[in-house]
Amino acid sequence: MLDFLAENNLCGQAILRIVSCGNAIIAELLRLSEFIPAVFRYRDRADQQKYGDIIFDFSYFKGPELWESKLEAKPELQDLDEEFRENNIEIVT
């Protein structure tokens, strides 16, 4: 078996660099996941009912016009969206 750490093993060195970068990325994602506001996790049923119409998943990208038209059609959703944006602007941007 080849030694990954050997200076003459370029493939082994490359694999070790890739793995170490992957580990660093995973560690950073885990660290950042601790700062996700509870409202995004839908832990509370009241939050889910309140914000469910303004917090979207990746399906938003398939048809953003549909989601935007829903928001524009209801003034109460626009107000809720603005309130949510003001309360979470530091995390969202």
PDB file of N, CA and C in Angstrom:
ATOM      1  N   MET A   1       0.848  -1.181   0.000  1.00  0.00           N
ATOM      2  CA  MET A   1       0.000   0.000   0.000  1.00  0.00           C
ATOM      3  C   MET A   1       0.887   1.235   0.000  1.00  0.00           C
ATOM      4  N   LEU A   2       0.522   2.192  -0.827  1.00  0.00           N
ATOM      5  CA  LEU A   2       1.296   3.417  -0.922  1.00  0.00           C
ATOM      6  C   LEU A   2       1.026   4.322   0.271  1.00  0.00           C
ATOM      7  N   ASP A   3       2.031   5.044   0.640  1.00  0.00           N
ATOM      8  CA  ASP A   3       1.899   5.990   1.741  1.00  0.00           C
ATOM      9  C   ASP A   3       1.377   7.318   1.198  1.00  0.00           C
ATOM     10  N   PHE A   4       0.207   7.740   1.643  1.00  0.00           N
ATOM     11  CA  PHE A   4      -0.369   8.999   1.171  1.00  0.00           C
ATOM     12  C   PHE A   4       0.505  10.198   1.513  1.00  0.00           C
ATOM     13  N   LEU A   5       1.256  10.080   2.566  1.00  0.00           N
ATOM     14  CA  LEU A   5       2.056  11.214   3.016  1.00  0.00           C
ATOM     15  C   LEU A   5       3.398  11.328   2.309  1.00  0.00           C
ATOM     16  N   ALA A   6       3.753  10.345   1.518  1.00  0.00           N
ATOM     17  CA  ALA A   6       5.048  10.388   0.830  1.00  0.00           C
ATOM     18  C   ALA A   6       5.082  11.564  -0.140  1.00  0.00           C
ATOM     19  N   GLU A   7       6.205  12.247  -0.187  1.00  0.00           N
ATOM     20  CA  GLU A   7       6.337  13.426  -1.044  1.00  0.00           C
ATOM     21  C   GLU A   7       6.204  13.076  -2.523  1.00  0.00           C
ATOM     22  N   ASN A   8       6.575  11.875  -2.897  1.00  0.00           N
ATOM     23  CA  ASN A   8       6.503  11.490  -4.305  1.00  0.00           C
ATOM     24  C   ASN A   8       5.130  10.943  -4.710  1.00  0.00           C
ATOM     25  N   ASN A   9       4.190  10.869  -3.792  1.00  0.00           N
ATOM     26  CA  ASN A   9       2.839  10.389  -4.084  1.00  0.00           C
ATOM     27  C   ASN A   9       1.915  11.597  -4.281  1.00  0.00           C
ATOM     28  N   LEU A  10       1.870  12.108  -5.508  1.00  0.00           N
ATOM     29  CA  LEU A  10       1.077  13.302  -5.793  1.00  0.00           C
ATOM     30  C   LEU A  10      -0.422  13.051  -5.630  1.00  0.00           C
ATOM     31  N   CYS A  11      -0.879  11.866  -6.027  1.00  0.00           N
ATOM     32  CA  CYS A  11      -2.302  11.549  -5.872  1.00  0.00           C
ATOM     33  C   CYS A  11      -2.692  11.504  -4.399  1.00  0.00           C
ATOM     34  N   GLY A  12      -1.868  10.880  -3.605  1.00  0.00           N
ATOM     35  CA  GLY A  12      -2.135  10.810  -2.166  1.00  0.00           C
ATOM     36  C   GLY A  12      -2.164  12.184  -1.536  1.00  0.00           C
ATOM     37  N   GLN A  13      -1.229  13.032  -1.924  1.00  0.00           N
ATOM     38  CA  GLN A  13      -1.186  14.396  -1.402  1.00  0.00           C
ATOM     39  C   GLN A  13      -2.444  15.169  -1.810  1.00  0.00           C
ATOM     40  N   ALA A  14      -2.861  14.996  -3.066  1.00  0.00           N
ATOM     41  CA  ALA A  14      -4.065  15.688  -3.543  1.00  0.00           C
ATOM     42  C   ALA A  14      -5.302  15.212  -2.785  1.00  0.00           C
ATOM     43  N   ILE A  15      -5.410  13.905  -2.576  1.00  0.00           N
ATOM     44  CA  ILE A  15      -6.553  13.359  -1.836  1.00  0.00           C
ATOM     45  C   ILE A  15      -6.575  13.896  -0.414  1.00  0.00           C
ATOM     46  N   LEU A  16      -5.424  13.947   0.224  1.00  0.00           N
ATOM     47  CA  LEU A  16      -5.363  14.473   1.589  1.00  0.00           C
ATOM     48  C   LEU A  16      -5.793  15.936   1.645  1.00  0.00           C
ATOM     49  N   ARG A  17      -5.391  16.736   0.654  1.00  0.00           N
ATOM     50  CA  ARG A  17      -5.805  18.145   0.618  1.00  0.00           C
ATOM     51  C   ARG A  17      -7.314  18.264   0.415  1.00  0.00           C
ATOM     52  N   ILE A  18      -7.859  17.444  -0.487  1.00  0.00           N
ATOM     53  CA  ILE A  18      -9.305  17.475  -0.740  1.00  0.00           C
ATOM     54  C   ILE A  18     -10.076  17.091   0.521  1.00  0.00           C
ATOM     55  N   VAL A  19      -9.639  16.041   1.179  1.00  0.00           N
ATOM     56  CA  VAL A  19     -10.313  15.579   2.394  1.00  0.00           C
ATOM     57  C   VAL A  19     -10.221  16.626   3.499  1.00  0.00           C
ATOM     58  N   SER A  20      -9.065  17.240   3.648  1.00  0.00           N
ATOM     59  CA  SER A  20      -8.931  18.249   4.704  1.00  0.00           C
ATOM     60  C   SER A  20      -9.799  19.467   4.408  1.00  0.00           C
ATOM     61  N   CYS A  21      -9.894  19.867   3.140  1.00  0.00           N
ATOM     62  CA  CYS A  21     -10.790  20.979   2.777  1.00  0.00           C
ATOM     63  C   CYS A  21     -12.243  20.598   3.037  1.00  0.00           C
ATOM     64  N   GLY A  22     -12.609  19.373   2.697  1.00  0.00           N
ATOM     65  CA  GLY A  22     -13.973  18.903   2.953  1.00  0.00           C
ATOM     66  C   GLY A  22     -14.297  18.902   4.435  1.00  0.00           C
ATOM     67  N   ASN A  23     -13.352  18.462   5.254  1.00  0.00           N
ATOM     68  CA  ASN A  23     -13.562  18.474   6.702  1.00  0.00           C
ATOM     69  C   ASN A  23     -13.722  19.890   7.228  1.00  0.00           C
ATOM     70  N   ALA A  24     -12.939  20.816   6.701  1.00  0.00           N
ATOM     71  CA  ALA A  24     -13.049  22.213   7.127  1.00  0.00           C
ATOM     72  C   ALA A  24     -14.410  22.791   6.742  1.00  0.00           C
ATOM     73  N   ILE A  25     -14.892  22.455   5.553  1.00  0.00           N
ATOM     74  CA  ILE A  25     -16.204  22.938   5.109  1.00  0.00           C
ATOM     75  C   ILE A  25     -17.309  22.378   6.002  1.00  0.00           C
ATOM     76  N   ILE A  26     -17.248  21.099   6.293  1.00  0.00           N
ATOM     77  CA  ILE A  26     -18.257  20.477   7.156  1.00  0.00           C
ATOM     78  C   ILE A  26     -18.234  21.095   8.547  1.00  0.00           C
ATOM     79  N   ALA A  27     -17.052  21.314   9.091  1.00  0.00           N
ATOM     80  CA  ALA A  27     -16.944  21.935  10.413  1.00  0.00           C
ATOM     81  C   ALA A  27     -17.552  23.333  10.411  1.00  0.00           C
ATOM     82  N   GLU A  28     -17.301  24.102   9.365  1.00  0.00           N
ATOM     83  CA  GLU A  28     -17.852  25.457   9.277  1.00  0.00           C
ATOM     84  C   GLU A  28     -19.373  25.424   9.136  1.00  0.00           C
ATOM     85  N   LEU A  29     -19.899  24.502   8.346  1.00  0.00           N
ATOM     86  CA  LEU A  29     -21.352  24.380   8.212  1.00  0.00           C
ATOM     87  C   LEU A  29     -22.003  24.010   9.544  1.00  0.00           C
ATOM     88  N   LEU A  30     -21.386  23.104  10.274  1.00  0.00           N
ATOM     89  CA  LEU A  30     -21.920  22.733  11.585  1.00  0.00           C
ATOM     90  C   LEU A  30     -21.881  23.915  12.545  1.00  0.00           C
ATOM     91  N   ARG A  31     -20.806  24.686  12.500  1.00  0.00           N
ATOM     92  CA  ARG A  31     -20.695  25.861  13.362  1.00  0.00           C
ATOM     93  C   ARG A  31     -21.775  26.880  13.005  1.00  0.00           C
ATOM     94  N   LEU A  32     -21.948  27.138  11.717  1.00  0.00           N
ATOM     95  CA  LEU A  32     -22.943  28.118  11.280  1.00  0.00           C
ATOM     96  C   LEU A  32     -24.372  27.657  11.556  1.00  0.00           C
ATOM     97  N   SER A  33     -24.601  26.343  11.552  1.00  0.00           N
ATOM     98  CA  SER A  33     -25.955  25.833  11.770  1.00  0.00           C
ATOM     99  C   SER A  33     -26.481  26.180  13.157  1.00  0.00           C
ATOM    100  N   GLU A  34     -25.585  26.474  14.088  1.00  0.00           N
ATOM    101  CA  GLU A  34     -26.011  26.845  15.435  1.00  0.00           C
ATOM    102  C   GLU A  34     -26.610  28.246  15.486  1.00  0.00           C
ATOM    103  N   PHE A  35     -26.415  29.037  14.440  1.00  0.00           N
ATOM    104  CA  PHE A  35     -26.896  30.410  14.419  1.00  0.00           C
ATOM    105  C   PHE A  35     -28.178  30.585  13.603  1.00  0.00           C
ATOM    106  N   ILE A  36     -28.746  29.501  13.122  1.00  0.00           N
ATOM    107  CA  ILE A  36     -29.986  29.576  12.347  1.00  0.00           C
ATOM    108  C   ILE A  36     -31.125  29.914  13.301  1.00  0.00           C
ATOM    109  N   PRO A  37     -31.867  30.979  13.021  1.00  0.00           N
ATOM    110  CA  PRO A  37     -32.990  31.329  13.905  1.00  0.00           C
ATOM    111  C   PRO A  37     -34.016  30.198  13.964  1.00  0.00           C
ATOM    112  N   ALA A  38     -34.640  30.065  15.104  1.00  0.00           N
ATOM    113  CA  ALA A  38     -35.611  28.985  15.316  1.00  0.00           C
ATOM    114  C   ALA A  38     -36.758  29.041  14.317  1.00  0.00           C
ATOM    115  N   VAL A  39     -37.110  30.240  13.869  1.00  0.00           N
ATOM    116  CA  VAL A  39     -38.236  30.369  12.946  1.00  0.00           C
ATOM    117  C   VAL A  39     -37.968  29.629  11.637  1.00  0.00           C
ATOM    118  N   PHE A  40     -36.708  29.531  11.222  1.00  0.00           N
ATOM    119  CA  PHE A  40     -36.371  28.815   9.996  1.00  0.00           C
ATOM    120  C   PHE A  40     -36.446  27.304  10.179  1.00  0.00           C
ATOM    121  N   ARG A  41     -36.409  26.856  11.399  1.00  0.00           N
ATOM    122  CA  ARG A  41     -36.432  25.418  11.668  1.00  0.00           C
ATOM    123  C   ARG A  41     -37.848  24.889  11.864  1.00  0.00           C
ATOM    124  N   TYR A  42     -38.809  25.795  11.961  1.00  0.00           N
ATOM    125  CA  TYR A  42     -40.212  25.419  12.165  1.00  0.00           C
ATOM    126  C   TYR A  42     -40.388  24.500  13.369  1.00  0.00           C
ATOM    127  N   ARG A  43     -39.723  24.809  14.460  1.00  0.00           N
ATOM    128  CA  ARG A  43     -39.879  23.993  15.670  1.00  0.00           C
ATOM    129  C   ARG A  43     -41.233  24.236  16.328  1.00  0.00           C
ATOM    130  N   ASP A  44     -41.723  25.441  16.201  1.00  0.00           N
ATOM    131  CA  ASP A  44     -42.975  25.827  16.836  1.00  0.00           C
ATOM    132  C   ASP A  44     -44.084  25.841  15.784  1.00  0.00           C
ATOM    133  N   ARG A  45     -45.175  25.181  16.062  1.00  0.00           N
ATOM    134  CA  ARG A  45     -46.285  25.106  15.109  1.00  0.00           C
ATOM    135  C   ARG A  45     -46.839  26.500  14.808  1.00  0.00           C
ATOM    136  N   ALA A  46     -46.841  27.386  15.796  1.00  0.00           N
ATOM    137  CA  ALA A  46     -47.340  28.751  15.583  1.00  0.00           C
ATOM    138  C   ALA A  46     -46.467  29.486  14.575  1.00  0.00           C
ATOM    139  N   ASP A  47     -45.146  29.328  14.677  1.00  0.00           N
ATOM    140  CA  ASP A  47     -44.243  29.952  13.705  1.00  0.00           C
ATOM    141  C   ASP A  47     -44.465  29.387  12.315  1.00  0.00           C
ATOM    142  N   GLN A  48     -44.690  28.094  12.243  1.00  0.00           N
ATOM    143  CA  GLN A  48     -44.916  27.457  10.948  1.00  0.00           C
ATOM    144  C   GLN A  48     -46.177  28.018  10.295  1.00  0.00           C
ATOM    145  N   GLN A  49     -47.226  28.186  11.068  1.00  0.00           N
ATOM    146  CA  GLN A  49     -48.464  28.729  10.514  1.00  0.00           C
ATOM    147  C   GLN A  49     -48.314  30.203  10.164  1.00  0.00           C
ATOM    148  N   LYS A  50     -47.581  30.933  10.996  1.00  0.00           N
ATOM    149  CA  LYS A  50     -47.435  32.369  10.773  1.00  0.00           C
ATOM    150  C   LYS A  50     -46.545  32.674   9.576  1.00  0.00           C
ATOM    151  N   TYR A  51     -45.380  32.015   9.501  1.00  0.00           N
ATOM    152  CA  TYR A  51     -44.386  32.352   8.486  1.00  0.00           C
ATOM    153  C   TYR A  51     -44.345  31.388   7.306  1.00  0.00           C
ATOM    154  N   GLY A  52     -45.175  30.380   7.310  1.00  0.00           N
ATOM    155  CA  GLY A  52     -45.150  29.378   6.250  1.00  0.00           C
ATOM    156  C   GLY A  52     -45.367  29.933   4.850  1.00  0.00           C
ATOM    157  N   ASP A  53     -46.102  31.038   4.752  1.00  0.00           N
ATOM    158  CA  ASP A  53     -46.379  31.619   3.436  1.00  0.00           C
ATOM    159  C   ASP A  53     -45.292  32.563   2.941  1.00  0.00           C
ATOM    160  N   ILE A  54     -44.311  32.885   3.807  1.00  0.00           N
ATOM    161  CA  ILE A  54     -43.262  33.809   3.358  1.00  0.00           C
ATOM    162  C   ILE A  54     -41.860  33.206   3.402  1.00  0.00           C
ATOM    163  N   ILE A  55     -41.702  32.052   4.044  1.00  0.00           N
ATOM    164  CA  ILE A  55     -40.405  31.369   4.046  1.00  0.00           C
ATOM    165  C   ILE A  55     -40.504  30.211   3.063  1.00  0.00           C
ATOM    166  N   PHE A  56     -39.672  30.260   2.046  1.00  0.00           N
ATOM    167  CA  PHE A  56     -39.758  29.286   0.961  1.00  0.00           C
ATOM    168  C   PHE A  56     -38.591  28.310   1.012  1.00  0.00           C
ATOM    169  N   ASP A  57     -38.783  27.170   0.375  1.00  0.00           N
ATOM    170  CA  ASP A  57     -37.686  26.228   0.198  1.00  0.00           C
ATOM    171  C   ASP A  57     -37.129  26.411  -1.216  1.00  0.00           C
ATOM    172  N   PHE A  58     -36.356  25.466  -1.685  1.00  0.00           N
ATOM    173  CA  PHE A  58     -35.711  25.609  -2.992  1.00  0.00           C
ATOM    174  C   PHE A  58     -36.702  25.573  -4.158  1.00  0.00           C
ATOM    175  N   SER A  59     -37.926  25.173  -3.918  1.00  0.00           N
ATOM    176  CA  SER A  59     -38.921  25.192  -4.996  1.00  0.00           C
ATOM    177  C   SER A  59     -39.197  26.622  -5.463  1.00  0.00           C
ATOM    178  N   TYR A  60     -38.838  27.602  -4.651  1.00  0.00           N
ATOM    179  CA  TYR A  60     -38.984  29.014  -5.040  1.00  0.00           C
ATOM    180  C   TYR A  60     -38.270  29.288  -6.354  1.00  0.00           C
ATOM    181  N   PHE A  61     -37.116  28.681  -6.546  1.00  0.00           N
ATOM    182  CA  PHE A  61     -36.300  28.959  -7.726  1.00  0.00           C
ATOM    183  C   PHE A  61     -36.891  28.391  -9.014  1.00  0.00           C
ATOM    184  N   LYS A  62     -37.832  27.470  -8.902  1.00  0.00           N
ATOM    185  CA  LYS A  62     -38.484  26.925 -10.097  1.00  0.00           C
ATOM    186  C   LYS A  62     -39.512  27.895 -10.663  1.00  0.00           C
ATOM    187  N   GLY A  63     -40.098  28.700  -9.815  1.00  0.00           N
ATOM    188  CA  GLY A  63     -41.107  29.656 -10.271  1.00  0.00           C
ATOM    189  C   GLY A  63     -41.243  30.826  -9.325  1.00  0.00           C
ATOM    190  N   PRO A  64     -40.241  31.699  -9.266  1.00  0.00           N
ATOM    191  CA  PRO A  64     -40.297  32.812  -8.309  1.00  0.00           C
ATOM    192  C   PRO A  64     -41.480  33.754  -8.552  1.00  0.00           C
ATOM    193  N   GLU A  65     -41.934  33.839  -9.790  1.00  0.00           N
ATOM    194  CA  GLU A  65     -43.053  34.727 -10.093  1.00  0.00           C
ATOM    195  C   GLU A  65     -44.315  34.295  -9.342  1.00  0.00           C
ATOM    196  N   LEU A  66     -44.522  32.996  -9.241  1.00  0.00           N
ATOM    197  CA  LEU A  66     -45.685  32.469  -8.527  1.00  0.00           C
ATOM    198  C   LEU A  66     -45.655  32.898  -7.064  1.00  0.00           C
ATOM    199  N   TRP A  67     -44.513  32.716  -6.420  1.00  0.00           N
ATOM    200  CA  TRP A  67     -44.376  33.062  -5.004  1.00  0.00           C
ATOM    201  C   TRP A  67     -44.492  34.568  -4.791  1.00  0.00           C
ATOM    202  N   GLU A  68     -43.866  35.331  -5.673  1.00  0.00           N
ATOM    203  CA  GLU A  68     -43.927  36.791  -5.555  1.00  0.00           C
ATOM    204  C   GLU A  68     -45.354  37.293  -5.762  1.00  0.00           C
ATOM    205  N   SER A  69     -46.084  36.687  -6.682  1.00  0.00           N
ATOM    206  CA  SER A  69     -47.472  37.114  -6.913  1.00  0.00           C
ATOM    207  C   SER A  69     -48.347  36.808  -5.697  1.00  0.00           C
ATOM    208  N   LYS A  70     -48.062  35.703  -5.002  1.00  0.00           N
ATOM    209  CA  LYS A  70     -48.804  35.394  -3.772  1.00  0.00           C
ATOM    210  C   LYS A  70     -48.567  36.467  -2.719  1.00  0.00           C
ATOM    211  N   LEU A  71     -47.314  36.900  -2.601  1.00  0.00           N
ATOM    212  CA  LEU A  71     -46.996  37.949  -1.631  1.00  0.00           C
ATOM    213  C   LEU A  71     -47.644  39.277  -2.010  1.00  0.00           C
ATOM    214  N   GLU A  72     -47.610  39.597  -3.277  1.00  0.00           N
ATOM    215  CA  GLU A  72     -48.158  40.877  -3.736  1.00  0.00           C
ATOM    216  C   GLU A  72     -49.680  40.924  -3.638  1.00  0.00           C
ATOM    217  N   ALA A  73     -50.323  39.766  -3.678  1.00  0.00           N
ATOM    218  CA  ALA A  73     -51.783  39.714  -3.666  1.00  0.00           C
ATOM    219  C   ALA A  73     -52.376  39.975  -2.281  1.00  0.00           C
ATOM    220  N   LYS A  74     -51.590  39.753  -1.237  1.00  0.00           N
ATOM    221  CA  LYS A  74     -52.119  39.891   0.122  1.00  0.00           C
ATOM    222  C   LYS A  74     -51.304  40.915   0.910  1.00  0.00           C
ATOM    223  N   PRO A  75     -51.905  42.035   1.251  1.00  0.00           N
ATOM    224  CA  PRO A  75     -51.182  43.063   2.017  1.00  0.00           C
ATOM    225  C   PRO A  75     -50.678  42.565   3.374  1.00  0.00           C
ATOM    226  N   GLU A  76     -51.427  41.655   4.005  1.00  0.00           N
ATOM    227  CA  GLU A  76     -50.977  41.147   5.307  1.00  0.00           C
ATOM    228  C   GLU A  76     -49.694  40.325   5.171  1.00  0.00           C
ATOM    229  N   LEU A  77     -49.544  39.619   4.046  1.00  0.00           N
ATOM    230  CA  LEU A  77     -48.295  38.890   3.808  1.00  0.00           C
ATOM    231  C   LEU A  77     -47.144  39.847   3.543  1.00  0.00           C
ATOM    232  N   GLN A  78     -47.423  40.944   2.870  1.00  0.00           N
ATOM    233  CA  GLN A  78     -46.382  41.948   2.631  1.00  0.00           C
ATOM    234  C   GLN A  78     -45.908  42.544   3.950  1.00  0.00           C
ATOM    235  N   ASP A  79     -46.849  42.834   4.843  1.00  0.00           N
ATOM    236  CA  ASP A  79     -46.487  43.375   6.156  1.00  0.00           C
ATOM    237  C   ASP A  79     -45.683  42.360   6.963  1.00  0.00           C
ATOM    238  N   LEU A  80     -46.115  41.110   6.922  1.00  0.00           N
ATOM    239  CA  LEU A  80     -45.403  40.054   7.638  1.00  0.00           C
ATOM    240  C   LEU A  80     -44.006  39.855   7.061  1.00  0.00           C
ATOM    241  N   ASP A  81     -43.894  39.912   5.750  1.00  0.00           N
ATOM    242  CA  ASP A  81     -42.598  39.781   5.091  1.00  0.00           C
ATOM    243  C   ASP A  81     -41.666  40.919   5.505  1.00  0.00           C
ATOM    244  N   GLU A  82     -42.189  42.120   5.550  1.00  0.00           N
ATOM    245  CA  GLU A  82     -41.388  43.278   5.958  1.00  0.00           C
ATOM    246  C   GLU A  82     -40.952  43.152   7.418  1.00  0.00           C
ATOM    247  N   GLU A  83     -41.867  42.728   8.273  1.00  0.00           N
ATOM    248  CA  GLU A  83     -41.538  42.523   9.688  1.00  0.00           C
ATOM    249  C   GLU A  83     -40.454  41.461   9.840  1.00  0.00           C
ATOM    250  N   PHE A  84     -40.622  40.369   9.110  1.00  0.00           N
ATOM    251  CA  PHE A  84     -39.642  39.283   9.176  1.00  0.00           C
ATOM    252  C   PHE A  84     -38.277  39.758   8.688  1.00  0.00           C
ATOM    253  N   ARG A  85     -38.273  40.515   7.618  1.00  0.00           N
ATOM    254  CA  ARG A  85     -37.022  41.032   7.061  1.00  0.00           C
ATOM    255  C   ARG A  85     -36.327  41.950   8.071  1.00  0.00           C
ATOM    256  N   GLU A  86     -37.082  42.827   8.708  1.00  0.00           N
ATOM    257  CA  GLU A  86     -36.498  43.740   9.692  1.00  0.00           C
ATOM    258  C   GLU A  86     -35.918  42.986  10.883  1.00  0.00           C
ATOM    259  N   ASN A  87     -36.597  41.942  11.326  1.00  0.00           N
ATOM    260  CA  ASN A  87     -36.141  41.183  12.490  1.00  0.00           C
ATOM    261  C   ASN A  87     -34.952  40.278  12.194  1.00  0.00           C
ATOM    262  N   ASN A  88     -34.774  39.884  10.930  1.00  0.00           N
ATOM    263  CA  ASN A  88     -33.747  38.897  10.596  1.00  0.00           C
ATOM    264  C   ASN A  88     -32.777  39.376   9.526  1.00  0.00           C
ATOM    265  N   ILE A  89     -32.706  40.670   9.268  1.00  0.00           N
ATOM    266  CA  ILE A  89     -31.896  41.181   8.162  1.00  0.00           C
ATOM    267  C   ILE A  89     -30.418  40.824   8.310  1.00  0.00           C
ATOM    268  N   GLU A  90     -29.899  40.826   9.524  1.00  0.00           N
ATOM    269  CA  GLU A  90     -28.476  40.533   9.719  1.00  0.00           C
ATOM    270  C   GLU A  90     -28.139  39.101   9.343  1.00  0.00           C
ATOM    271  N   ILE A  91     -29.057  38.199   9.581  1.00  0.00           N
ATOM    272  CA  ILE A  91     -28.797  36.788   9.293  1.00  0.00           C
ATOM    273  C   ILE A  91     -29.072  36.470   7.835  1.00  0.00           C
ATOM    274  N   VAL A  92     -30.083  37.102   7.263  1.00  0.00           N
ATOM    275  CA  VAL A  92     -30.488  36.799   5.897  1.00  0.00           C
ATOM    276  C   VAL A  92     -29.480  37.321   4.876  1.00  0.00           C
ATOM    277  N   THR A  93     -28.820  38.436   5.182  1.00  0.00           N
ATOM    278  CA  THR A  93     -27.874  39.001   4.206  1.00  0.00           C
ATOM    279  C   THR A  93     -26.461  38.573   4.468  1.00  0.00           C
TER     280      THR A  93
END
